[in-house]
Amino acid sequence: MDTRRALLDALAADDGPVSGPALADSLGVSRAAVWKAVEALREEGFAVESTPDGYVAPDDPGYSGPGIEFGLDAPYSVEYRDRIASTNERARELAGEGEAGVAVVADEQTGSRGRLDREWVAPSGGVWLSILTRPDVPTARAPLFTLAAAVATTDAAREAGVDAHIKWPNDVLVGGDAGEEGDDDSDATGRGGRKLAGILTEMEGEADRVGWLVVGVGVNADLDLETLPEGATSLSAERGERVDRRHFAATLLERFAELTESLEALNRVLPAWRERASTLGRRVRVDTADGPVEGTAVDVAEPGALVVDTDERRRRVHAGDCEHLRDAE
């Protein structure tokens, strides 16, 4: 384990100050190594306090790799970058090197893209991360990981005090259809609310098995509305105050891990998604490769297909751009 992470864990496990010699003994390193680790943590934003009796754990770990890993209850190491072209691109590189169980996190992305190669604004202050996993599942079940990421992002937003919801398949929104009285701006645009986050999943595998899977999540966290495209919002704008990005990212990673840790856990994804979705029960139009499908969204079926009740029959839509329509008066 990295000495910095081990040192933070040792400090967190103790209620009071821990001396340098005691830390060196427990970690199996020299006192000089302890001092270097403390100084490195301070440079990364950890306010490790020195007292006459020893070192004290920081109250507010910074937004960094060690900061997000601090106390993280999820099986991921964190590779943090202040600035990167794309966290998904970096995760793919790591996949090619045989890595797994890595969350690539950046403060800013300079070349990010969303679905259908659309540009995604990712300035400093957001939560931009990509999770690299090698799940032992059939390729047919891979879409469940995208839905799990939408659930995890929604739960992290709600824990932060923002009442988010999901538009099929993976847009995380605020307001609009979810019930803000008098808020019908989304009915005119079909967006379904103000966009808070988006998700992009990429994978490689054989015909019947996933080789590796990268789930990229982009969340407008501490961003001013002036820096965002029209119709978008951020956690800080909705809260009226800044959000703890370190805690938000950790919550998202933990919830995603909980939903995807096993085949049994994956069976809980669809029920969780349904509970958080604003698309179900709505009149929708989905533009697919075979043409538009219009009707009432009545369910989501394995592995994430939207079930649309048209006037003629029920259809399962596996991919497409979903637009929320005004219900007939």
C-alpha atoms as a PDB file:
ATOM      1  CA  MET A   1       0.000   0.000   0.000  1.00  0.00           C
ATOM      2  CA  ASP A   2       1.170   3.547  -0.716  1.00  0.00           C
ATOM      3  CA  THR A   3       2.796   5.035   2.399  1.00  0.00           C
ATOM      4  CA  ARG A   4       0.580   8.123   2.211  1.00  0.00           C
ATOM      5  CA  ARG A   5      -2.620   6.070   2.158  1.00  0.00           C
ATOM      6  CA  ALA A   6      -1.358   3.778   4.904  1.00  0.00           C
ATOM      7  CA  LEU A   7      -0.452   6.789   7.024  1.00  0.00           C
ATOM      8  CA  LEU A   8      -3.917   8.311   6.580  1.00  0.00           C
ATOM      9  CA  ASP A   9      -5.548   5.007   7.503  1.00  0.00           C
ATOM     10  CA  ALA A  10      -3.377   4.763  10.625  1.00  0.00           C
ATOM     11  CA  LEU A  11      -4.260   8.307  11.694  1.00  0.00           C
ATOM     12  CA  ALA A  12      -7.967   7.763  11.017  1.00  0.00           C
ATOM     13  CA  ALA A  13      -7.953   4.619  13.195  1.00  0.00           C
ATOM     14  CA  ASP A  14      -6.773   6.605  16.218  1.00  0.00           C
ATOM     15  CA  ASP A  15      -8.846   9.165  18.126  1.00  0.00           C
ATOM     16  CA  GLY A  16      -5.878  11.313  19.072  1.00  0.00           C
ATOM     17  CA  PRO A  17      -2.392  12.285  17.927  1.00  0.00           C
ATOM     18  CA  VAL A  18       0.003   9.553  16.813  1.00  0.00           C
ATOM     19  CA  SER A  19       3.727  10.068  17.191  1.00  0.00           C
ATOM     20  CA  GLY A  20       6.154   9.776  14.324  1.00  0.00           C
ATOM     21  CA  PRO A  21       8.011   6.821  15.859  1.00  0.00           C
ATOM     22  CA  ALA A  22       4.725   4.968  16.497  1.00  0.00           C
ATOM     23  CA  LEU A  23       3.643   5.517  12.884  1.00  0.00           C
ATOM     24  CA  ALA A  24       7.019   4.348  11.598  1.00  0.00           C
ATOM     25  CA  ASP A  25       6.776   1.161  13.672  1.00  0.00           C
ATOM     26  CA  SER A  26       3.181   0.372  12.652  1.00  0.00           C
ATOM     27  CA  LEU A  27       3.866   1.012   8.955  1.00  0.00           C
ATOM     28  CA  GLY A  28       7.245  -0.705   8.873  1.00  0.00           C
ATOM     29  CA  VAL A  29       9.020   2.357   7.448  1.00  0.00           C
ATOM     30  CA  SER A  30      11.592   4.841   8.665  1.00  0.00           C
ATOM     31  CA  ARG A  31      10.723   8.066  10.529  1.00  0.00           C
ATOM     32  CA  ALA A  32      12.091   9.943   7.517  1.00  0.00           C
ATOM     33  CA  ALA A  33       9.592   8.116   5.284  1.00  0.00           C
ATOM     34  CA  VAL A  34       6.766   9.148   7.621  1.00  0.00           C
ATOM     35  CA  TRP A  35       7.876  12.787   7.452  1.00  0.00           C
ATOM     36  CA  LYS A  36       8.084  12.661   3.638  1.00  0.00           C
ATOM     37  CA  ALA A  37       4.622  11.124   3.419  1.00  0.00           C
ATOM     38  CA  VAL A  38       3.173  13.835   5.668  1.00  0.00           C
ATOM     39  CA  GLU A  39       4.757  16.569   3.555  1.00  0.00           C
ATOM     40  CA  ALA A  40       3.483  14.962   0.326  1.00  0.00           C
ATOM     41  CA  LEU A  41      -0.040  14.764   1.756  1.00  0.00           C
ATOM     42  CA  ARG A  42       0.062  18.412   2.749  1.00  0.00           C
ATOM     43  CA  GLU A  43       1.079  19.350  -0.797  1.00  0.00           C
ATOM     44  CA  GLU A  44      -1.962  17.429  -2.063  1.00  0.00           C
ATOM     45  CA  GLY A  45      -4.352  19.342   0.194  1.00  0.00           C
ATOM     46  CA  PHE A  46      -4.412  17.201   3.357  1.00  0.00           C
ATOM     47  CA  ALA A  47      -4.213  19.394   6.448  1.00  0.00           C
ATOM     48  CA  VAL A  48      -2.224  16.910   8.546  1.00  0.00           C
ATOM     49  CA  GLU A  49      -1.711  18.728  11.843  1.00  0.00           C
ATOM     50  CA  SER A  50       1.481  18.439  13.881  1.00  0.00           C
ATOM     51  CA  THR A  51       1.144  18.645  17.673  1.00  0.00           C
ATOM     52  CA  PRO A  52       3.639  18.078  20.497  1.00  0.00           C
ATOM     53  CA  ASP A  53       2.131  14.596  20.883  1.00  0.00           C
ATOM     54  CA  GLY A  54       2.247  13.652  17.209  1.00  0.00           C
ATOM     55  CA  TYR A  55       0.260  13.889  13.986  1.00  0.00           C
ATOM     56  CA  VAL A  56      -3.531  14.269  13.752  1.00  0.00           C
ATOM     57  CA  ALA A  57      -5.746  13.036  10.915  1.00  0.00           C
ATOM     58  CA  PRO A  58      -7.047  15.825   8.623  1.00  0.00           C
ATOM     59  CA  ASP A  59     -10.708  16.771   9.018  1.00  0.00           C
ATOM     60  CA  ASP A  60     -11.199  17.549   5.337  1.00  0.00           C
ATOM     61  CA  PRO A  61      -9.068  15.528   2.907  1.00  0.00           C
ATOM     62  CA  GLY A  62      -8.555  17.312  -0.389  1.00  0.00           C
ATOM     63  CA  TYR A  63      -9.918  16.442  -3.834  1.00  0.00           C
ATOM     64  CA  SER A  64      -7.074  14.225  -4.957  1.00  0.00           C
ATOM     65  CA  GLY A  65      -6.276  10.559  -5.450  1.00  0.00           C
ATOM     66  CA  PRO A  66      -5.395   9.915  -1.805  1.00  0.00           C
ATOM     67  CA  GLY A  67      -8.252  12.180  -0.741  1.00  0.00           C
ATOM     68  CA  ILE A  68     -10.891  10.177  -2.613  1.00  0.00           C
ATOM     69  CA  GLU A  69      -9.341   6.877  -1.528  1.00  0.00           C
ATOM     70  CA  PHE A  70      -9.324   8.024   2.108  1.00  0.00           C
ATOM     71  CA  GLY A  71     -11.930   5.809   3.783  1.00  0.00           C
ATOM     72  CA  LEU A  72     -13.267   4.633   0.406  1.00  0.00           C
ATOM     73  CA  ASP A  73     -15.358   1.477   0.781  1.00  0.00           C
ATOM     74  CA  ALA A  74     -15.032   0.338  -2.830  1.00  0.00           C
ATOM     75  CA  PRO A  75     -12.493  -1.899  -4.621  1.00  0.00           C
ATOM     76  CA  TYR A  76     -10.911   0.835  -6.734  1.00  0.00           C
ATOM     77  CA  SER A  77      -7.565   2.548  -6.733  1.00  0.00           C
ATOM     78  CA  VAL A  78      -7.763   6.183  -7.817  1.00  0.00           C
ATOM     79  CA  GLU A  79      -5.569   7.787 -10.469  1.00  0.00           C
ATOM     80  CA  TYR A  80      -6.058  11.542 -10.183  1.00  0.00           C
ATOM     81  CA  ARG A  81      -5.099  14.164 -12.761  1.00  0.00           C
ATOM     82  CA  ASP A  82      -5.500  17.918 -12.452  1.00  0.00           C
ATOM     83  CA  ARG A  83      -5.949  18.136 -16.216  1.00  0.00           C
ATOM     84  CA  ILE A  84      -6.408  15.428 -18.838  1.00  0.00           C
ATOM     85  CA  ALA A  85      -7.833  15.110 -22.327  1.00  0.00           C
ATOM     86  CA  SER A  86     -10.278  12.351 -21.378  1.00  0.00           C
ATOM     87  CA  THR A  87     -10.642  10.082 -18.355  1.00  0.00           C
ATOM     88  CA  ASN A  88     -12.273   7.457 -20.593  1.00  0.00           C
ATOM     89  CA  GLU A  89      -9.283   7.559 -22.936  1.00  0.00           C
ATOM     90  CA  ARG A  90      -6.885   7.102 -20.022  1.00  0.00           C
ATOM     91  CA  ALA A  91      -8.988   4.233 -18.637  1.00  0.00           C
ATOM     92  CA  ARG A  92      -8.841   2.526 -22.040  1.00  0.00           C
ATOM     93  CA  GLU A  93      -5.062   2.872 -21.993  1.00  0.00           C
ATOM     94  CA  LEU A  94      -4.953   1.226 -18.560  1.00  0.00           C
ATOM     95  CA  ALA A  95      -7.207  -1.562 -19.846  1.00  0.00           C
ATOM     96  CA  GLY A  96      -4.706  -2.176 -22.628  1.00  0.00           C
ATOM     97  CA  GLU A  97      -1.985  -2.495 -19.972  1.00  0.00           C
ATOM     98  CA  GLY A  98      -3.991  -5.167 -18.169  1.00  0.00           C
ATOM     99  CA  GLU A  99      -5.179  -2.988 -15.294  1.00  0.00           C
ATOM    100  CA  ALA A 100      -8.553  -3.320 -13.567  1.00  0.00           C
ATOM    101  CA  GLY A 101     -10.353  -1.825 -10.611  1.00  0.00           C
ATOM    102  CA  VAL A 102      -9.150   1.726 -11.331  1.00  0.00           C
ATOM    103  CA  ALA A 103     -11.079   4.994 -11.172  1.00  0.00           C
ATOM    104  CA  VAL A 104      -9.484   7.715 -13.271  1.00  0.00           C
ATOM    105  CA  VAL A 105     -10.518  11.097 -11.853  1.00  0.00           C
ATOM    106  CA  ALA A 106      -9.773  14.562 -13.219  1.00  0.00           C
ATOM    107  CA  ASP A 107     -10.432  18.125 -12.129  1.00  0.00           C
ATOM    108  CA  GLU A 108     -10.629  19.211 -15.773  1.00  0.00           C
ATOM    109  CA  GLN A 109     -11.011  17.468 -19.143  1.00  0.00           C
ATOM    110  CA  THR A 110      -9.915  19.144 -22.353  1.00  0.00           C
ATOM    111  CA  GLY A 111     -11.136  16.662 -24.964  1.00  0.00           C
ATOM    112  CA  SER A 112     -14.189  15.009 -23.468  1.00  0.00           C
ATOM    113  CA  ARG A 113     -17.034  13.648 -25.564  1.00  0.00           C
ATOM    114  CA  GLY A 114     -20.510  12.407 -24.791  1.00  0.00           C
ATOM    115  CA  ARG A 115     -22.864  10.053 -26.594  1.00  0.00           C
ATOM    116  CA  LEU A 116     -22.793  10.161 -30.405  1.00  0.00           C
ATOM    117  CA  ASP A 117     -19.420  11.952 -30.141  1.00  0.00           C
ATOM    118  CA  ARG A 118     -21.079  15.127 -28.858  1.00  0.00           C
ATOM    119  CA  GLU A 119     -18.864  17.652 -27.116  1.00  0.00           C
ATOM    120  CA  TRP A 120     -19.114  17.655 -23.324  1.00  0.00           C
ATOM    121  CA  VAL A 121     -18.020  20.760 -21.430  1.00  0.00           C
ATOM    122  CA  ALA A 122     -15.740  19.616 -18.599  1.00  0.00           C
ATOM    123  CA  PRO A 123     -14.016  22.596 -16.942  1.00  0.00           C
ATOM    124  CA  SER A 124     -12.224  22.676 -13.615  1.00  0.00           C
ATOM    125  CA  GLY A 125     -14.628  22.177 -10.725  1.00  0.00           C
ATOM    126  CA  GLY A 126     -16.592  19.221 -12.027  1.00  0.00           C
ATOM    127  CA  VAL A 127     -16.432  15.555 -11.107  1.00  0.00           C
ATOM    128  CA  TRP A 128     -15.090  13.788 -14.179  1.00  0.00           C
ATOM    129  CA  LEU A 129     -14.300  10.129 -13.627  1.00  0.00           C
ATOM    130  CA  SER A 130     -14.071   6.814 -15.453  1.00  0.00           C
ATOM    131  CA  ILE A 131     -14.265   3.410 -13.782  1.00  0.00           C
ATOM    132  CA  LEU A 132     -12.324   0.527 -15.338  1.00  0.00           C
ATOM    133  CA  THR A 133     -13.592  -2.934 -14.420  1.00  0.00           C
ATOM    134  CA  ARG A 134     -13.326  -6.473 -15.762  1.00  0.00           C
ATOM    135  CA  PRO A 135     -16.684  -7.957 -14.773  1.00  0.00           C
ATOM    136  CA  ASP A 136     -17.259 -11.662 -15.328  1.00  0.00           C
ATOM    137  CA  VAL A 137     -20.568 -11.176 -17.140  1.00  0.00           C
ATOM    138  CA  PRO A 138     -21.960 -11.834 -20.625  1.00  0.00           C
ATOM    139  CA  THR A 139     -21.699  -8.913 -23.037  1.00  0.00           C
ATOM    140  CA  ALA A 140     -25.488  -8.852 -23.224  1.00  0.00           C
ATOM    141  CA  ARG A 141     -25.621  -7.617 -19.610  1.00  0.00           C
ATOM    142  CA  ALA A 142     -23.099  -4.792 -20.095  1.00  0.00           C
ATOM    143  CA  PRO A 143     -25.821  -2.085 -20.397  1.00  0.00           C
ATOM    144  CA  LEU A 144     -26.708  -2.741 -16.759  1.00  0.00           C
ATOM    145  CA  PHE A 145     -23.428  -1.089 -15.771  1.00  0.00           C
ATOM    146  CA  THR A 146     -24.520   2.130 -17.480  1.00  0.00           C
ATOM    147  CA  LEU A 147     -27.828   2.069 -15.604  1.00  0.00           C
ATOM    148  CA  ALA A 148     -25.985   1.310 -12.366  1.00  0.00           C
ATOM    149  CA  ALA A 149     -23.809   4.385 -12.911  1.00  0.00           C
ATOM    150  CA  ALA A 150     -26.933   6.514 -13.412  1.00  0.00           C
ATOM    151  CA  VAL A 151     -28.381   5.191 -10.150  1.00  0.00           C
ATOM    152  CA  ALA A 152     -25.100   5.763  -8.305  1.00  0.00           C
ATOM    153  CA  THR A 153     -24.807   9.326  -9.620  1.00  0.00           C
ATOM    154  CA  THR A 154     -28.414  10.098  -8.700  1.00  0.00           C
ATOM    155  CA  ASP A 155     -27.942   8.730  -5.191  1.00  0.00           C
ATOM    156  CA  ALA A 156     -24.759  10.757  -4.686  1.00  0.00           C
ATOM    157  CA  ALA A 157     -26.579  13.902  -5.857  1.00  0.00           C
ATOM    158  CA  ARG A 158     -29.488  13.248  -3.504  1.00  0.00           C
ATOM    159  CA  GLU A 159     -27.122  12.691  -0.606  1.00  0.00           C
ATOM    160  CA  ALA A 160     -25.602  16.074  -1.478  1.00  0.00           C
ATOM    161  CA  GLY A 161     -29.052  17.660  -1.196  1.00  0.00           C
ATOM    162  CA  VAL A 162     -29.986  17.808  -4.897  1.00  0.00           C
ATOM    163  CA  ASP A 163     -33.184  15.988  -5.916  1.00  0.00           C
ATOM    164  CA  ALA A 164     -31.935  14.363  -9.120  1.00  0.00           C
ATOM    165  CA  HIS A 165     -33.710  11.848 -11.347  1.00  0.00           C
ATOM    166  CA  ILE A 166     -32.911   9.778 -14.443  1.00  0.00           C
ATOM    167  CA  LYS A 167     -34.092  10.153 -18.013  1.00  0.00           C
ATOM    168  CA  TRP A 168     -33.674   6.990 -20.061  1.00  0.00           C
ATOM    169  CA  PRO A 169     -31.158   5.668 -20.409  1.00  0.00           C
ATOM    170  CA  ASN A 170     -28.486   7.563 -18.497  1.00  0.00           C
ATOM    171  CA  ASP A 171     -29.055  11.325 -18.260  1.00  0.00           C
ATOM    172  CA  VAL A 172     -29.162  12.575 -14.671  1.00  0.00           C
ATOM    173  CA  LEU A 173     -31.411  15.628 -14.439  1.00  0.00           C
ATOM    174  CA  VAL A 174     -32.888  18.065 -11.942  1.00  0.00           C
ATOM    175  CA  GLY A 175     -36.383  19.554 -12.060  1.00  0.00           C
ATOM    176  CA  GLY A 176     -38.676  19.337 -15.059  1.00  0.00           C
ATOM    177  CA  ASP A 177     -40.746  16.175 -15.191  1.00  0.00           C
ATOM    178  CA  ALA A 178     -39.776  15.045 -11.724  1.00  0.00           C
ATOM    179  CA  GLY A 179     -42.266  17.313 -10.116  1.00  0.00           C
ATOM    180  CA  GLU A 180     -41.094  20.883  -9.588  1.00  0.00           C
ATOM    181  CA  GLU A 181     -44.433  22.619  -9.644  1.00  0.00           C
ATOM    182  CA  GLY A 182     -44.717  25.088 -12.479  1.00  0.00           C
ATOM    183  CA  ASP A 183     -41.412  23.976 -13.969  1.00  0.00           C
ATOM    184  CA  ASP A 184     -42.301  22.974 -17.507  1.00  0.00           C
ATOM    185  CA  ASP A 185     -39.214  24.268 -19.296  1.00  0.00           C
ATOM    186  CA  SER A 186     -38.324  20.699 -20.186  1.00  0.00           C
ATOM    187  CA  ASP A 187     -41.660  20.079 -21.911  1.00  0.00           C
ATOM    188  CA  ALA A 188     -40.697  22.579 -24.577  1.00  0.00           C
ATOM    189  CA  THR A 189     -37.281  21.017 -25.170  1.00  0.00           C
ATOM    190  CA  GLY A 190     -37.935  17.367 -24.478  1.00  0.00           C
ATOM    191  CA  ARG A 191     -34.924  17.304 -22.184  1.00  0.00           C
ATOM    192  CA  GLY A 192     -36.941  16.328 -19.110  1.00  0.00           C
ATOM    193  CA  GLY A 193     -35.158  18.730 -16.744  1.00  0.00           C
ATOM    194  CA  ARG A 194     -31.887  20.561 -16.269  1.00  0.00           C
ATOM    195  CA  LYS A 195     -28.951  18.283 -17.120  1.00  0.00           C
ATOM    196  CA  LEU A 196     -26.677  17.575 -14.185  1.00  0.00           C
ATOM    197  CA  ALA A 197     -24.651  14.605 -15.396  1.00  0.00           C
ATOM    198  CA  GLY A 198     -24.061  12.287 -18.322  1.00  0.00           C
ATOM    199  CA  ILE A 199     -22.637   8.782 -18.674  1.00  0.00           C
ATOM    200  CA  LEU A 200     -20.699   7.110 -21.478  1.00  0.00           C
ATOM    201  CA  THR A 201     -19.810   3.403 -21.391  1.00  0.00           C
ATOM    202  CA  GLU A 202     -17.231   1.675 -23.582  1.00  0.00           C
ATOM    203  CA  MET A 203     -16.220  -1.978 -23.586  1.00  0.00           C
ATOM    204  CA  GLU A 204     -14.223  -4.689 -25.285  1.00  0.00           C
ATOM    205  CA  GLY A 205     -14.832  -8.413 -25.172  1.00  0.00           C
ATOM    206  CA  GLU A 206     -15.609 -11.642 -26.919  1.00  0.00           C
ATOM    207  CA  ALA A 207     -19.014 -12.548 -28.305  1.00  0.00           C
ATOM    208  CA  ASP A 208     -20.226 -13.952 -25.007  1.00  0.00           C
ATOM    209  CA  ARG A 209     -18.031 -12.290 -22.354  1.00  0.00           C
ATOM    210  CA  VAL A 210     -16.898  -8.803 -21.361  1.00  0.00           C
ATOM    211  CA  GLY A 211     -13.138  -8.316 -21.531  1.00  0.00           C
ATOM    212  CA  TRP A 212     -13.031  -4.878 -19.946  1.00  0.00           C
ATOM    213  CA  LEU A 213     -15.572  -2.155 -19.384  1.00  0.00           C
ATOM    214  CA  VAL A 214     -15.115   1.591 -18.839  1.00  0.00           C
ATOM    215  CA  VAL A 215     -17.954   3.662 -17.409  1.00  0.00           C
ATOM    216  CA  GLY A 216     -17.348   7.407 -17.744  1.00  0.00           C
ATOM    217  CA  VAL A 217     -19.368   9.784 -15.578  1.00  0.00           C
ATOM    218  CA  GLY A 218     -19.354  13.560 -15.954  1.00  0.00           C
ATOM    219  CA  VAL A 219     -21.017  15.610 -13.205  1.00  0.00           C
ATOM    220  CA  ASN A 220     -21.396  19.378 -13.122  1.00  0.00           C
ATOM    221  CA  ALA A 221     -20.346  19.878  -9.524  1.00  0.00           C
ATOM    222  CA  ASP A 222     -18.886  23.241  -8.440  1.00  0.00           C
ATOM    223  CA  LEU A 223     -19.568  25.077 -11.700  1.00  0.00           C
ATOM    224  CA  ASP A 224     -21.251  28.416 -12.353  1.00  0.00           C
ATOM    225  CA  LEU A 225     -24.210  28.295 -14.705  1.00  0.00           C
ATOM    226  CA  GLU A 226     -22.459  30.802 -16.981  1.00  0.00           C
ATOM    227  CA  THR A 227     -19.839  28.160 -17.810  1.00  0.00           C
ATOM    228  CA  LEU A 228     -22.418  25.529 -18.799  1.00  0.00           C
ATOM    229  CA  PRO A 229     -24.493  25.000 -21.952  1.00  0.00           C
ATOM    230  CA  GLU A 230     -28.091  26.170 -21.990  1.00  0.00           C
ATOM    231  CA  GLY A 231     -30.370  23.789 -20.119  1.00  0.00           C
ATOM    232  CA  ALA A 232     -27.624  22.434 -17.856  1.00  0.00           C
ATOM    233  CA  THR A 233     -27.205  22.893 -14.128  1.00  0.00           C
ATOM    234  CA  SER A 234     -24.705  22.050 -11.392  1.00  0.00           C
ATOM    235  CA  LEU A 235     -24.751  20.757  -7.843  1.00  0.00           C
ATOM    236  CA  SER A 236     -23.542  24.087  -6.468  1.00  0.00           C
ATOM    237  CA  ALA A 237     -26.159  26.048  -8.441  1.00  0.00           C
ATOM    238  CA  GLU A 238     -28.955  23.837  -7.128  1.00  0.00           C
ATOM    239  CA  ARG A 239     -27.650  23.848  -3.550  1.00  0.00           C
ATOM    240  CA  GLY A 240     -26.738  27.511  -3.408  1.00  0.00           C
ATOM    241  CA  GLU A 241     -23.358  26.527  -1.981  1.00  0.00           C
ATOM    242  CA  ARG A 242     -20.294  24.511  -2.879  1.00  0.00           C
ATOM    243  CA  VAL A 243     -20.321  20.731  -2.695  1.00  0.00           C
ATOM    244  CA  ASP A 244     -17.698  18.424  -1.209  1.00  0.00           C
ATOM    245  CA  ARG A 245     -16.445  16.847  -4.444  1.00  0.00           C
ATOM    246  CA  ARG A 246     -14.275  14.335  -2.600  1.00  0.00           C
ATOM    247  CA  HIS A 247     -17.251  12.983  -0.669  1.00  0.00           C
ATOM    248  CA  PHE A 248     -19.471  13.056  -3.765  1.00  0.00           C
ATOM    249  CA  ALA A 249     -16.992  11.059  -5.859  1.00  0.00           C
ATOM    250  CA  ALA A 250     -16.470   8.529  -3.069  1.00  0.00           C
ATOM    251  CA  THR A 251     -20.219   8.088  -2.603  1.00  0.00           C
ATOM    252  CA  LEU A 252     -20.690   7.552  -6.337  1.00  0.00           C
ATOM    253  CA  LEU A 253     -17.894   4.953  -6.486  1.00  0.00           C
ATOM    254  CA  GLU A 254     -19.188   3.109  -3.429  1.00  0.00           C
ATOM    255  CA  ARG A 255     -22.761   2.952  -4.710  1.00  0.00           C
ATOM    256  CA  PHE A 256     -21.611   1.793  -8.162  1.00  0.00           C
ATOM    257  CA  ALA A 257     -19.478  -0.943  -6.596  1.00  0.00           C
ATOM    258  CA  GLU A 258     -22.401  -2.053  -4.441  1.00  0.00           C
ATOM    259  CA  LEU A 259     -24.641  -2.426  -7.507  1.00  0.00           C
ATOM    260  CA  THR A 260     -22.096  -4.243  -9.675  1.00  0.00           C
ATOM    261  CA  GLU A 261     -20.090  -6.398  -7.260  1.00  0.00           C
ATOM    262  CA  SER A 262     -21.786  -9.656  -8.278  1.00  0.00           C
ATOM    263  CA  LEU A 263     -24.393 -11.189 -10.568  1.00  0.00           C
ATOM    264  CA  GLU A 264     -26.841 -11.082  -7.660  1.00  0.00           C
ATOM    265  CA  ALA A 265     -26.154  -7.379  -7.165  1.00  0.00           C
ATOM    266  CA  LEU A 266     -26.755  -6.682 -10.861  1.00  0.00           C
ATOM    267  CA  ASN A 267     -30.267  -8.073 -10.428  1.00  0.00           C
ATOM    268  CA  ARG A 268     -30.999  -5.053  -8.199  1.00  0.00           C
ATOM    269  CA  VAL A 269     -30.033  -2.489 -10.831  1.00  0.00           C
ATOM    270  CA  LEU A 270     -33.311  -2.368 -12.771  1.00  0.00           C
ATOM    271  CA  PRO A 271     -35.548  -2.009  -9.678  1.00  0.00           C
ATOM    272  CA  ALA A 272     -33.265   0.767  -8.392  1.00  0.00           C
ATOM    273  CA  TRP A 273     -33.299   2.481 -11.794  1.00  0.00           C
ATOM    274  CA  ARG A 274     -37.112   2.361 -11.996  1.00  0.00           C
ATOM    275  CA  GLU A 275     -37.432   4.019  -8.581  1.00  0.00           C
ATOM    276  CA  ARG A 276     -35.300   6.968  -9.706  1.00  0.00           C
ATOM    277  CA  ALA A 277     -36.552   7.376 -13.277  1.00  0.00           C
ATOM    278  CA  SER A 278     -38.734  10.218 -14.536  1.00  0.00           C
ATOM    279  CA  THR A 279     -39.225   8.649 -17.993  1.00  0.00           C
ATOM    280  CA  LEU A 280     -41.590   5.871 -16.947  1.00  0.00           C
ATOM    281  CA  GLY A 281     -45.228   6.860 -17.317  1.00  0.00           C
ATOM    282  CA  ARG A 282     -44.340   9.666 -19.721  1.00  0.00           C
ATOM    283  CA  ARG A 283     -45.215  10.124 -23.362  1.00  0.00           C
ATOM    284  CA  VAL A 284     -41.927   9.801 -25.220  1.00  0.00           C
ATOM    285  CA  ARG A 285     -40.425   9.847 -28.661  1.00  0.00           C
ATOM    286  CA  VAL A 286     -37.263   7.824 -29.177  1.00  0.00           C
ATOM    287  CA  ASP A 287     -35.265   8.390 -32.346  1.00  0.00           C
ATOM    288  CA  THR A 288     -33.722   5.045 -33.264  1.00  0.00           C
ATOM    289  CA  ALA A 289     -31.674   3.812 -36.204  1.00  0.00           C
ATOM    290  CA  ASP A 290     -34.876   2.251 -37.598  1.00  0.00           C
ATOM    291  CA  GLY A 291     -36.962   5.398 -37.182  1.00  0.00           C
ATOM    292  CA  PRO A 292     -38.866   7.100 -34.377  1.00  0.00           C
ATOM    293  CA  VAL A 293     -40.842   5.219 -31.750  1.00  0.00           C
ATOM    294  CA  GLU A 294     -43.573   7.220 -30.001  1.00  0.00           C
ATOM    295  CA  GLY A 295     -45.835   6.225 -27.150  1.00  0.00           C
ATOM    296  CA  THR A 296     -45.924   5.856 -23.374  1.00  0.00           C
ATOM    297  CA  ALA A 297     -42.810   4.566 -21.599  1.00  0.00           C
ATOM    298  CA  VAL A 298     -44.132   1.828 -19.334  1.00  0.00           C
ATOM    299  CA  ASP A 299     -41.052  -0.066 -18.145  1.00  0.00           C
ATOM    300  CA  VAL A 300     -37.359  -0.788 -18.526  1.00  0.00           C
ATOM    301  CA  ALA A 301     -36.465  -4.401 -19.275  1.00  0.00           C
ATOM    302  CA  GLU A 302     -33.253  -6.423 -19.096  1.00  0.00           C
ATOM    303  CA  PRO A 303     -30.610  -5.327 -19.923  1.00  0.00           C
ATOM    304  CA  GLY A 304     -31.885  -1.744 -20.057  1.00  0.00           C
ATOM    305  CA  ALA A 305     -34.330  -1.595 -22.953  1.00  0.00           C
ATOM    306  CA  LEU A 306     -37.119   0.977 -22.742  1.00  0.00           C
ATOM    307  CA  VAL A 307     -40.565  -0.585 -23.155  1.00  0.00           C
ATOM    308  CA  VAL A 308     -42.807   1.803 -25.095  1.00  0.00           C
ATOM    309  CA  ASP A 309     -46.551   1.258 -25.407  1.00  0.00           C
ATOM    310  CA  THR A 310     -47.479   2.639 -28.826  1.00  0.00           C
ATOM    311  CA  ASP A 311     -51.034   2.777 -30.104  1.00  0.00           C
ATOM    312  CA  GLU A 312     -50.414  -0.500 -31.944  1.00  0.00           C
ATOM    313  CA  ARG A 313     -48.183  -2.605 -29.679  1.00  0.00           C
ATOM    314  CA  ARG A 314     -45.460  -2.612 -27.061  1.00  0.00           C
ATOM    315  CA  ARG A 315     -41.928  -2.189 -28.363  1.00  0.00           C
ATOM    316  CA  ARG A 316     -38.558  -2.603 -26.717  1.00  0.00           C
ATOM    317  CA  VAL A 317     -36.075   0.111 -27.604  1.00  0.00           C
ATOM    318  CA  HIS A 318     -32.446  -0.714 -26.882  1.00  0.00           C
ATOM    319  CA  ALA A 319     -30.800   2.517 -28.058  1.00  0.00           C
ATOM    320  CA  GLY A 320     -31.785   5.971 -29.216  1.00  0.00           C
ATOM    321  CA  ASP A 321     -32.330   9.598 -28.242  1.00  0.00           C
ATOM    322  CA  CYS A 322     -35.295   9.876 -25.889  1.00  0.00           C
ATOM    323  CA  GLU A 323     -37.501  12.976 -25.857  1.00  0.00           C
ATOM    324  CA  HIS A 324     -40.150  13.596 -23.214  1.00  0.00           C
ATOM    325  CA  LEU A 325     -43.361  14.862 -24.814  1.00  0.00           C
ATOM    326  CA  ARG A 326     -46.195  16.871 -23.364  1.00  0.00           C
ATOM    327  CA  ASP A 327     -48.973  14.580 -22.276  1.00  0.00           C
ATOM    328  CA  ALA A 328     -52.276  15.174 -24.030  1.00  0.00           C
ATOM    329  CA  GLU A 329     -54.630  17.320 -21.996  1.00  0.00           C
END
